[in-house]
């Protein structure tokens, strides 16, 4: 759906639990089993931010 709306999306999704992946509901401490997926999702977000940076700069100049 995001692609049809011409939105940049991160393909990798990670299901996190407030009970198991957060200490005292405040400190993020994911399980070892989530780390590879979280790394992939982070890398995809960084890649999109680098690709879209010129568009953000162009729209700021136009405004």
PDB file of N, CA and C in Angstrom:
ATOM      1  N   UNK A   1       0.824  -1.180   0.000  1.00  0.00           N
ATOM      2  CA  UNK A   1       0.000   0.000   0.000  1.00  0.00           C
ATOM      3  C   UNK A   1       0.878   1.258   0.000  1.00  0.00           C
ATOM      4  N   UNK A   2       1.936   1.237   0.780  1.00  0.00           N
ATOM      5  CA  UNK A   2       2.813   2.412   0.844  1.00  0.00           C
ATOM      6  C   UNK A   2       3.414   2.721  -0.530  1.00  0.00           C
ATOM      7  N   UNK A   3       3.781   1.687  -1.273  1.00  0.00           N
ATOM      8  CA  UNK A   3       4.354   1.902  -2.600  1.00  0.00           C
ATOM      9  C   UNK A   3       3.332   2.537  -3.541  1.00  0.00           C
ATOM     10  N   UNK A   4       2.088   2.132  -3.443  1.00  0.00           N
ATOM     11  CA  UNK A   4       1.038   2.714  -4.283  1.00  0.00           C
ATOM     12  C   UNK A   4       0.814   4.190  -3.962  1.00  0.00           C
ATOM     13  N   UNK A   5       1.068   4.582  -2.744  1.00  0.00           N
ATOM     14  CA  UNK A   5       0.951   5.982  -2.344  1.00  0.00           C
ATOM     15  C   UNK A   5       2.237   6.756  -2.573  1.00  0.00           C
ATOM     16  N   UNK A   6       3.205   6.106  -3.231  1.00  0.00           N
ATOM     17  CA  UNK A   6       4.516   6.676  -3.545  1.00  0.00           C
ATOM     18  C   UNK A   6       5.261   7.106  -2.286  1.00  0.00           C
ATOM     19  N   UNK A   7       5.133   6.281  -1.262  1.00  0.00           N
ATOM     20  CA  UNK A   7       5.844   6.514  -0.010  1.00  0.00           C
ATOM     21  C   UNK A   7       7.091   5.625   0.016  1.00  0.00           C
ATOM     22  N   UNK A   8       8.155   6.134   0.600  1.00  0.00           N
ATOM     23  CA  UNK A   8       9.337   5.305   0.800  1.00  0.00           C
ATOM     24  C   UNK A   8       9.066   4.438   2.024  1.00  0.00           C
ATOM     25  N   UNK A   9       9.244   3.136   1.871  1.00  0.00           N
ATOM     26  CA  UNK A   9       8.977   2.251   2.997  1.00  0.00           C
ATOM     27  C   UNK A   9      10.173   1.356   3.285  1.00  0.00           C
ATOM     28  N   UNK A  10      10.289   0.964   4.515  1.00  0.00           N
ATOM     29  CA  UNK A  10      11.311   0.017   4.928  1.00  0.00           C
ATOM     30  C   UNK A  10      10.667  -1.354   4.879  1.00  0.00           C
ATOM     31  N   UNK A  11      11.243  -2.244   4.084  1.00  0.00           N
ATOM     32  CA  UNK A  11      10.625  -3.551   3.864  1.00  0.00           C
ATOM     33  C   UNK A  11      10.701  -4.458   5.089  1.00  0.00           C
ATOM     34  N   UNK A  12      11.798  -4.386   5.811  1.00  0.00           N
ATOM     35  CA  UNK A  12      11.988  -5.266   6.961  1.00  0.00           C
ATOM     36  C   UNK A  12      11.165  -4.786   8.144  1.00  0.00           C
ATOM     37  N   UNK A  13      10.411  -5.679   8.731  1.00  0.00           N
ATOM     38  CA  UNK A  13       9.591  -5.353   9.891  1.00  0.00           C
ATOM     39  C   UNK A  13      10.020  -6.233  11.064  1.00  0.00           C
ATOM     40  N   UNK A  14       9.972  -5.692  12.258  1.00  0.00           N
ATOM     41  CA  UNK A  14      10.344  -6.441  13.452  1.00  0.00           C
ATOM     42  C   UNK A  14       9.216  -6.293  14.474  1.00  0.00           C
ATOM     43  N   UNK A  15       8.742  -7.413  14.983  1.00  0.00           N
ATOM     44  CA  UNK A  15       7.710  -7.387  16.015  1.00  0.00           C
ATOM     45  C   UNK A  15       8.400  -7.372  17.379  1.00  0.00           C
ATOM     46  N   UNK A  16       8.198  -6.290  18.117  1.00  0.00           N
ATOM     47  CA  UNK A  16       8.794  -6.158  19.443  1.00  0.00           C
ATOM     48  C   UNK A  16       7.695  -6.196  20.496  1.00  0.00           C
ATOM     49  N   UNK A  17       8.042  -6.698  21.639  1.00  0.00           N
ATOM     50  CA  UNK A  17       7.087  -6.793  22.738  1.00  0.00           C
ATOM     51  C   UNK A  17       7.497  -5.860  23.865  1.00  0.00           C
ATOM     52  N   UNK A  18       6.552  -5.144  24.407  1.00  0.00           N
ATOM     53  CA  UNK A  18       6.828  -4.265  25.541  1.00  0.00           C
ATOM     54  C   UNK A  18       7.282  -5.105  26.737  1.00  0.00           C
ATOM     55  N   UNK A  19       6.772  -6.311  26.839  1.00  0.00           N
ATOM     56  CA  UNK A  19       7.082  -7.172  27.990  1.00  0.00           C
ATOM     57  C   UNK A  19       8.487  -7.767  27.891  1.00  0.00           C
ATOM     58  N   UNK A  20       8.861  -8.277  26.709  1.00  0.00           N
ATOM     59  CA  UNK A  20      10.137  -8.978  26.596  1.00  0.00           C
ATOM     60  C   UNK A  20      11.280  -8.122  26.055  1.00  0.00           C
ATOM     61  N   UNK A  21      10.998  -7.052  25.349  1.00  0.00           N
ATOM     62  CA  UNK A  21      12.052  -6.266  24.707  1.00  0.00           C
ATOM     63  C   UNK A  21      12.318  -4.917  25.367  1.00  0.00           C
ATOM     64  N   UNK A  22      11.655  -4.651  26.468  1.00  0.00           N
ATOM     65  CA  UNK A  22      11.874  -3.409  27.216  1.00  0.00           C
ATOM     66  C   UNK A  22      12.038  -3.740  28.692  1.00  0.00           C
ATOM     67  N   UNK A  23      13.004  -3.118  29.325  1.00  0.00           N
ATOM     68  CA  UNK A  23      13.216  -3.308  30.754  1.00  0.00           C
ATOM     69  C   UNK A  23      12.459  -2.221  31.502  1.00  0.00           C
ATOM     70  N   UNK A  24      11.587  -2.622  32.405  1.00  0.00           N
ATOM     71  CA  UNK A  24      10.746  -1.693  33.160  1.00  0.00           C
ATOM     72  C   UNK A  24       9.907  -0.791  32.247  1.00  0.00           C
ATOM     73  N   UNK A  25       9.575  -1.287  31.074  1.00  0.00           N
ATOM     74  CA  UNK A  25       8.748  -0.573  30.089  1.00  0.00           C
ATOM     75  C   UNK A  25       9.387   0.724  29.595  1.00  0.00           C
ATOM     76  N   UNK A  26      10.686   0.939  29.857  1.00  0.00           N
ATOM     77  CA  UNK A  26      11.333   2.191  29.463  1.00  0.00           C
ATOM     78  C   UNK A  26      12.621   1.999  28.688  1.00  0.00           C
ATOM     79  N   UNK A  27      13.424   1.026  29.061  1.00  0.00           N
ATOM     80  CA  UNK A  27      14.743   0.838  28.454  1.00  0.00           C
ATOM     81  C   UNK A  27      14.647  -0.251  27.389  1.00  0.00           C
ATOM     82  N   UNK A  28      15.011   0.111  26.169  1.00  0.00           N
ATOM     83  CA  UNK A  28      14.932  -0.819  25.046  1.00  0.00           C
ATOM     84  C   UNK A  28      16.069  -1.830  25.136  1.00  0.00           C
ATOM     85  N   UNK A  29      15.722  -3.094  25.309  1.00  0.00           N
ATOM     86  CA  UNK A  29      16.696  -4.181  25.374  1.00  0.00           C
ATOM     87  C   UNK A  29      16.156  -5.360  24.569  1.00  0.00           C
ATOM     88  N   UNK A  30      16.348  -5.321  23.240  1.00  0.00           N
ATOM     89  CA  UNK A  30      15.813  -6.408  22.414  1.00  0.00           C
ATOM     90  C   UNK A  30      16.558  -7.713  22.657  1.00  0.00           C
ATOM     91  N   UNK A  31      15.881  -8.803  22.381  1.00  0.00           N
ATOM     92  CA  UNK A  31      16.501 -10.119  22.506  1.00  0.00           C
ATOM     93  C   UNK A  31      17.515 -10.342  21.392  1.00  0.00           C
ATOM     94  N   UNK A  32      18.452 -11.232  21.636  1.00  0.00           N
ATOM     95  CA  UNK A  32      19.487 -11.549  20.641  1.00  0.00           C
ATOM     96  C   UNK A  32      18.875 -11.990  19.311  1.00  0.00           C
ATOM     97  N   UNK A  33      17.752 -12.667  19.366  1.00  0.00           N
ATOM     98  CA  UNK A  33      17.101 -13.174  18.164  1.00  0.00           C
ATOM     99  C   UNK A  33      16.565 -12.049  17.284  1.00  0.00           C
ATOM    100  N   UNK A  34      16.336 -10.866  17.831  1.00  0.00           N
ATOM    101  CA  UNK A  34      15.832  -9.731  17.054  1.00  0.00           C
ATOM    102  C   UNK A  34      16.940  -8.887  16.420  1.00  0.00           C
ATOM    103  N   UNK A  35      18.173  -9.023  16.880  1.00  0.00           N
ATOM    104  CA  UNK A  35      19.242  -8.130  16.448  1.00  0.00           C
ATOM    105  C   UNK A  35      19.513  -8.146  14.940  1.00  0.00           C
ATOM    106  N   UNK A  36      19.584  -9.308  14.272  1.00  0.00           N
ATOM    107  CA  UNK A  36      19.816  -9.269  12.821  1.00  0.00           C
ATOM    108  C   UNK A  36      18.706  -8.520  12.072  1.00  0.00           C
ATOM    109  N   UNK A  37      17.462  -8.749  12.452  1.00  0.00           N
ATOM    110  CA  UNK A  37      16.348  -8.068  11.788  1.00  0.00           C
ATOM    111  C   UNK A  37      16.370  -6.571  12.085  1.00  0.00           C
ATOM    112  N   UNK A  38      16.700  -6.193  13.325  1.00  0.00           N
ATOM    113  CA  UNK A  38      16.790  -4.773  13.676  1.00  0.00           C
ATOM    114  C   UNK A  38      17.920  -4.088  12.916  1.00  0.00           C
ATOM    115  N   UNK A  39      19.044  -4.777  12.755  1.00  0.00           N
ATOM    116  CA  UNK A  39      20.158  -4.215  11.984  1.00  0.00           C
ATOM    117  C   UNK A  39      19.749  -3.979  10.530  1.00  0.00           C
ATOM    118  N   UNK A  40      19.053  -4.946   9.945  1.00  0.00           N
ATOM    119  CA  UNK A  40      18.594  -4.803   8.561  1.00  0.00           C
ATOM    120  C   UNK A  40      17.621  -3.646   8.428  1.00  0.00           C
ATOM    121  N   UNK A  41      16.666  -3.547   9.348  1.00  0.00           N
ATOM    122  CA  UNK A  41      15.690  -2.464   9.307  1.00  0.00           C
ATOM    123  C   UNK A  41      16.384  -1.109   9.463  1.00  0.00           C
ATOM    124  N   UNK A  42      17.342  -1.020  10.359  1.00  0.00           N
ATOM    125  CA  UNK A  42      18.106   0.218  10.565  1.00  0.00           C
ATOM    126  C   UNK A  42      18.870   0.595   9.297  1.00  0.00           C
ATOM    127  N   UNK A  43      19.533  -0.374   8.685  1.00  0.00           N
ATOM    128  CA  UNK A  43      20.285  -0.106   7.453  1.00  0.00           C
ATOM    129  C   UNK A  43      19.372   0.384   6.331  1.00  0.00           C
ATOM    130  N   UNK A  44      18.186  -0.191   6.223  1.00  0.00           N
ATOM    131  CA  UNK A  44      17.246   0.243   5.197  1.00  0.00           C
ATOM    132  C   UNK A  44      16.762   1.669   5.461  1.00  0.00           C
ATOM    133  N   UNK A  45      16.511   2.003   6.707  1.00  0.00           N
ATOM    134  CA  UNK A  45      16.106   3.373   7.050  1.00  0.00           C
ATOM    135  C   UNK A  45      17.198   4.378   6.737  1.00  0.00           C
ATOM    136  N   UNK A  46      18.438   4.030   7.039  1.00  0.00           N
ATOM    137  CA  UNK A  46      19.575   4.906   6.733  1.00  0.00           C
ATOM    138  C   UNK A  46      19.712   5.083   5.221  1.00  0.00           C
ATOM    139  N   UNK A  47      19.573   3.996   4.473  1.00  0.00           N
ATOM    140  CA  UNK A  47      19.674   4.079   3.018  1.00  0.00           C
ATOM    141  C   UNK A  47      18.612   5.007   2.439  1.00  0.00           C
ATOM    142  N   UNK A  48      17.362   4.876   2.892  1.00  0.00           N
ATOM    143  CA  UNK A  48      16.296   5.751   2.420  1.00  0.00           C
ATOM    144  C   UNK A  48      16.567   7.207   2.792  1.00  0.00           C
ATOM    145  N   UNK A  49      17.068   7.449   3.997  1.00  0.00           N
ATOM    146  CA  UNK A  49      17.313   8.834   4.397  1.00  0.00           C
ATOM    147  C   UNK A  49      18.392   9.473   3.536  1.00  0.00           C
ATOM    148  N   UNK A  50      19.393   8.701   3.138  1.00  0.00           N
ATOM    149  CA  UNK A  50      20.448   9.229   2.267  1.00  0.00           C
ATOM    150  C   UNK A  50      19.897   9.530   0.870  1.00  0.00           C
ATOM    151  N   UNK A  51      19.070   8.641   0.360  1.00  0.00           N
ATOM    152  CA  UNK A  51      18.510   8.830  -0.984  1.00  0.00           C
ATOM    153  C   UNK A  51      17.549  10.018  -1.025  1.00  0.00           C
ATOM    154  N   UNK A  52      16.777  10.217   0.037  1.00  0.00           N
ATOM    155  CA  UNK A  52      15.767  11.270   0.045  1.00  0.00           C
ATOM    156  C   UNK A  52      16.294  12.624   0.532  1.00  0.00           C
ATOM    157  N   UNK A  53      17.526  12.682   1.020  1.00  0.00           N
ATOM    158  CA  UNK A  53      18.093  13.929   1.531  1.00  0.00           C
ATOM    159  C   UNK A  53      18.052  15.063   0.512  1.00  0.00           C
ATOM    160  N   UNK A  54      18.414  14.833  -0.753  1.00  0.00           N
ATOM    161  CA  UNK A  54      18.347  15.940  -1.727  1.00  0.00           C
ATOM    162  C   UNK A  54      16.929  16.480  -1.919  1.00  0.00           C
ATOM    163  N   UNK A  55      15.935  15.636  -1.802  1.00  0.00           N
ATOM    164  CA  UNK A  55      14.555  16.093  -1.949  1.00  0.00           C
ATOM    165  C   UNK A  55      14.147  16.981  -0.781  1.00  0.00           C
ATOM    166  N   UNK A  56      14.606  16.636   0.427  1.00  0.00           N
ATOM    167  CA  UNK A  56      14.310  17.470   1.588  1.00  0.00           C
ATOM    168  C   UNK A  56      14.981  18.835   1.441  1.00  0.00           C
ATOM    169  N   UNK A  57      16.211  18.851   0.957  1.00  0.00           N
ATOM    170  CA  UNK A  57      16.933  20.102   0.766  1.00  0.00           C
ATOM    171  C   UNK A  57      16.267  20.963  -0.296  1.00  0.00           C
ATOM    172  N   UNK A  58      15.842  20.328  -1.395  1.00  0.00           N
ATOM    173  CA  UNK A  58      15.185  21.063  -2.483  1.00  0.00           C
ATOM    174  C   UNK A  58      13.856  21.661  -2.022  1.00  0.00           C
ATOM    175  N   UNK A  59      13.095  20.924  -1.232  1.00  0.00           N
ATOM    176  CA  UNK A  59      11.804  21.455  -0.777  1.00  0.00           C
ATOM    177  C   UNK A  59      12.004  22.570   0.251  1.00  0.00           C
ATOM    178  N   UNK A  60      13.066  22.518   1.020  1.00  0.00           N
ATOM    179  CA  UNK A  60      13.343  23.588   1.988  1.00  0.00           C
ATOM    180  C   UNK A  60      13.755  24.864   1.271  1.00  0.00           C
ATOM    181  N   UNK A  61      14.477  24.760   0.189  1.00  0.00           N
ATOM    182  CA  UNK A  61      14.908  25.922  -0.591  1.00  0.00           C
ATOM    183  C   UNK A  61      13.709  26.549  -1.295  1.00  0.00           C
ATOM    184  N   UNK A  62      12.784  25.700  -1.794  1.00  0.00           N
ATOM    185  CA  UNK A  62      11.617  26.189  -2.514  1.00  0.00           C
ATOM    186  C   UNK A  62      10.627  26.901  -1.590  1.00  0.00           C
ATOM    187  N   UNK A  63      10.661  26.578  -0.322  1.00  0.00           N
ATOM    188  CA  UNK A  63       9.688  27.156   0.621  1.00  0.00           C
ATOM    189  C   UNK A  63      10.060  28.504   1.041  1.00  0.00           C
TER     190      UNK A  63
END
